[in-house]
Amino acid sequence: MVTVYVKDRESLEEAIRRFNKLIEKEGITAKAKENMYFTKPSKARREKMNKLRRKLEKKKRKEQFRRHR
């Protein structure tokens, strides 16, 4: 749980900005966006596999580039 205490002589806008940075760092906003809509388990698995495939292809391209240098 994120807790932000307002410091002396700190404006409310600054405290809200600190709060937003903390929840972004914790990943709360990303989790809320992810859970906003239901995704079928099969689609989630497919997206996860596609993400992994793209990551491996990118790594492979980088290795080939390094070898040719």
N, C-alpha and C. Protein backbone atom coordinates (compact mmCIF):
# COMPACT_ATOMS: atom_id res chain seq x y z
N MET A 1 0.84 -1.17 0.00
CA MET A 1 0.00 0.00 0.00
C MET A 1 0.88 1.23 0.00
N VAL A 2 0.53 2.19 -0.80
CA VAL A 2 1.31 3.41 -0.95
C VAL A 2 0.76 4.47 0.00
N THR A 3 1.66 5.06 0.77
CA THR A 3 1.28 6.12 1.69
C THR A 3 2.15 7.33 1.43
N VAL A 4 1.52 8.48 1.32
CA VAL A 4 2.25 9.73 1.10
C VAL A 4 1.84 10.71 2.17
N TYR A 5 2.81 11.21 2.89
CA TYR A 5 2.55 12.23 3.91
C TYR A 5 2.93 13.59 3.33
N VAL A 6 2.06 14.56 3.52
CA VAL A 6 2.33 15.91 3.02
C VAL A 6 3.33 16.57 3.96
N LYS A 7 4.42 17.05 3.38
CA LYS A 7 5.48 17.68 4.16
C LYS A 7 5.10 19.12 4.49
N ASP A 8 5.80 19.70 5.44
CA ASP A 8 5.57 21.11 5.77
C ASP A 8 5.87 21.98 4.56
N ARG A 9 5.00 22.94 4.33
CA ARG A 9 5.13 23.90 3.22
C ARG A 9 5.16 23.22 1.85
N GLU A 10 4.56 22.07 1.74
CA GLU A 10 4.45 21.39 0.45
C GLU A 10 3.04 21.56 -0.07
N SER A 11 2.92 21.93 -1.33
CA SER A 11 1.59 22.11 -1.89
C SER A 11 0.94 20.75 -2.14
N LEU A 12 -0.35 20.78 -2.23
CA LEU A 12 -1.10 19.55 -2.47
C LEU A 12 -0.75 18.96 -3.83
N GLU A 13 -0.50 19.81 -4.82
CA GLU A 13 -0.14 19.34 -6.16
C GLU A 13 1.17 18.55 -6.13
N GLU A 14 2.14 19.02 -5.34
CA GLU A 14 3.41 18.31 -5.23
C GLU A 14 3.23 16.95 -4.56
N ALA A 15 2.38 16.89 -3.54
CA ALA A 15 2.11 15.62 -2.86
C ALA A 15 1.41 14.65 -3.80
N ILE A 16 0.47 15.15 -4.60
CA ILE A 16 -0.23 14.30 -5.57
C ILE A 16 0.75 13.80 -6.62
N ARG A 17 1.68 14.64 -7.04
CA ARG A 17 2.68 14.24 -8.02
C ARG A 17 3.56 13.12 -7.45
N ARG A 18 3.97 13.26 -6.18
CA ARG A 18 4.77 12.21 -5.54
C ARG A 18 3.97 10.91 -5.43
N PHE A 19 2.69 11.04 -5.09
CA PHE A 19 1.82 9.87 -4.98
C PHE A 19 1.71 9.16 -6.32
N ASN A 20 1.50 9.91 -7.40
CA ASN A 20 1.39 9.32 -8.73
C ASN A 20 2.67 8.60 -9.14
N LYS A 21 3.83 9.18 -8.80
CA LYS A 21 5.09 8.53 -9.11
C LYS A 21 5.24 7.22 -8.35
N LEU A 22 4.83 7.22 -7.09
CA LEU A 22 4.94 6.01 -6.29
C LEU A 22 4.04 4.89 -6.80
N ILE A 23 2.79 5.21 -7.16
CA ILE A 23 1.92 4.15 -7.63
C ILE A 23 2.35 3.65 -9.01
N GLU A 24 2.97 4.52 -9.80
CA GLU A 24 3.51 4.09 -11.08
C GLU A 24 4.69 3.15 -10.85
N LYS A 25 5.54 3.48 -9.89
CA LYS A 25 6.69 2.65 -9.57
C LYS A 25 6.26 1.29 -9.02
N GLU A 26 5.20 1.26 -8.23
CA GLU A 26 4.69 0.02 -7.67
C GLU A 26 4.01 -0.84 -8.73
N GLY A 27 3.60 -0.25 -9.83
CA GLY A 27 2.94 -0.99 -10.89
C GLY A 27 1.45 -1.10 -10.70
N ILE A 28 0.89 -0.27 -9.85
CA ILE A 28 -0.54 -0.33 -9.56
C ILE A 28 -1.36 0.12 -10.77
N THR A 29 -0.92 1.17 -11.44
CA THR A 29 -1.68 1.66 -12.60
C THR A 29 -1.64 0.65 -13.74
N ALA A 30 -0.49 0.01 -13.94
CA ALA A 30 -0.39 -0.99 -15.00
C ALA A 30 -1.30 -2.17 -14.70
N LYS A 31 -1.34 -2.58 -13.44
CA LYS A 31 -2.19 -3.70 -13.04
C LYS A 31 -3.67 -3.34 -13.22
N ALA A 32 -4.04 -2.11 -12.90
CA ALA A 32 -5.43 -1.68 -13.06
C ALA A 32 -5.82 -1.66 -14.53
N LYS A 33 -4.93 -1.17 -15.39
CA LYS A 33 -5.22 -1.16 -16.83
C LYS A 33 -5.33 -2.58 -17.37
N GLU A 34 -4.48 -3.47 -16.86
CA GLU A 34 -4.50 -4.86 -17.30
C GLU A 34 -5.81 -5.54 -16.91
N ASN A 35 -6.32 -5.23 -15.74
CA ASN A 35 -7.54 -5.86 -15.24
C ASN A 35 -8.81 -5.12 -15.64
N MET A 36 -8.69 -4.08 -16.44
CA MET A 36 -9.85 -3.31 -16.83
C MET A 36 -10.81 -4.14 -17.68
N TYR A 37 -10.26 -5.00 -18.53
CA TYR A 37 -11.07 -5.85 -19.39
C TYR A 37 -10.66 -7.30 -19.20
N PHE A 38 -11.61 -8.18 -19.36
CA PHE A 38 -11.34 -9.61 -19.24
C PHE A 38 -10.72 -10.12 -20.53
N THR A 39 -9.64 -10.88 -20.39
CA THR A 39 -9.06 -11.53 -21.55
C THR A 39 -9.15 -13.03 -21.32
N LYS A 40 -9.54 -13.73 -22.36
CA LYS A 40 -9.66 -15.17 -22.25
C LYS A 40 -8.28 -15.78 -22.00
N PRO A 41 -8.22 -16.85 -21.21
CA PRO A 41 -6.93 -17.47 -20.91
C PRO A 41 -6.16 -17.90 -22.16
N SER A 42 -6.88 -18.37 -23.18
CA SER A 42 -6.19 -18.79 -24.40
C SER A 42 -5.54 -17.60 -25.09
N LYS A 43 -6.23 -16.46 -25.09
CA LYS A 43 -5.67 -15.26 -25.71
C LYS A 43 -4.47 -14.75 -24.90
N ALA A 44 -4.56 -14.83 -23.58
CA ALA A 44 -3.45 -14.40 -22.72
C ALA A 44 -2.21 -15.26 -22.99
N ARG A 45 -2.40 -16.57 -23.12
CA ARG A 45 -1.28 -17.47 -23.41
C ARG A 45 -0.68 -17.15 -24.78
N ARG A 46 -1.54 -16.90 -25.76
CA ARG A 46 -1.08 -16.60 -27.11
C ARG A 46 -0.26 -15.30 -27.12
N GLU A 47 -0.76 -14.28 -26.43
CA GLU A 47 -0.03 -13.01 -26.36
C GLU A 47 1.30 -13.18 -25.64
N LYS A 48 1.31 -13.99 -24.59
CA LYS A 48 2.54 -14.23 -23.85
C LYS A 48 3.58 -14.93 -24.74
N MET A 49 3.13 -15.93 -25.51
CA MET A 49 4.04 -16.64 -26.41
C MET A 49 4.54 -15.73 -27.52
N ASN A 50 3.67 -14.88 -28.06
CA ASN A 50 4.09 -13.94 -29.10
C ASN A 50 5.11 -12.95 -28.56
N LYS A 51 4.91 -12.49 -27.33
CA LYS A 51 5.85 -11.56 -26.72
C LYS A 51 7.21 -12.22 -26.54
N LEU A 52 7.20 -13.47 -26.07
CA LEU A 52 8.44 -14.21 -25.89
C LEU A 52 9.14 -14.45 -27.23
N ARG A 53 8.36 -14.78 -28.26
CA ARG A 53 8.92 -15.02 -29.59
C ARG A 53 9.60 -13.75 -30.13
N ARG A 54 8.92 -12.61 -29.98
CA ARG A 54 9.51 -11.34 -30.44
C ARG A 54 10.79 -11.02 -29.68
N LYS A 55 10.78 -11.30 -28.39
CA LYS A 55 11.96 -11.03 -27.56
C LYS A 55 13.14 -11.89 -28.02
N LEU A 56 12.89 -13.17 -28.28
CA LEU A 56 13.96 -14.06 -28.73
C LEU A 56 14.47 -13.68 -30.11
N GLU A 57 13.56 -13.27 -31.01
CA GLU A 57 13.99 -12.84 -32.34
C GLU A 57 14.86 -11.60 -32.27
N LYS A 58 14.50 -10.68 -31.39
CA LYS A 58 15.29 -9.46 -31.22
C LYS A 58 16.68 -9.79 -30.69
N LYS A 59 16.73 -10.71 -29.72
CA LYS A 59 18.02 -11.12 -29.16
C LYS A 59 18.88 -11.79 -30.23
N LYS A 60 18.24 -12.61 -31.08
CA LYS A 60 18.96 -13.30 -32.15
C LYS A 60 19.53 -12.29 -33.15
N ARG A 61 18.73 -11.27 -33.51
CA ARG A 61 19.21 -10.24 -34.44
C ARG A 61 20.39 -9.48 -33.85
N LYS A 62 20.33 -9.18 -32.56
CA LYS A 62 21.45 -8.46 -31.93
C LYS A 62 22.72 -9.30 -31.95
N GLU A 63 22.60 -10.61 -31.69
CA GLU A 63 23.77 -11.48 -31.71
C GLU A 63 24.37 -11.55 -33.11
N GLN A 64 23.52 -11.65 -34.14
CA GLN A 64 24.02 -11.70 -35.51
C GLN A 64 24.73 -10.40 -35.87
N PHE A 65 24.21 -9.28 -35.42
CA PHE A 65 24.83 -8.00 -35.70
C PHE A 65 26.21 -7.91 -35.05
N ARG A 66 26.30 -8.42 -33.82
CA ARG A 66 27.59 -8.38 -33.11
C ARG A 66 28.63 -9.26 -33.77
N ARG A 67 28.21 -10.41 -34.33
CA ARG A 67 29.14 -11.32 -34.98
C ARG A 67 29.72 -10.72 -36.25
N HIS A 68 28.93 -9.96 -36.98
CA HIS A 68 29.34 -9.40 -38.25
C HIS A 68 30.19 -8.15 -38.10
N ARG A 69 30.30 -7.64 -36.93
CA ARG A 69 31.11 -6.43 -36.72
C ARG A 69 32.55 -6.72 -36.72
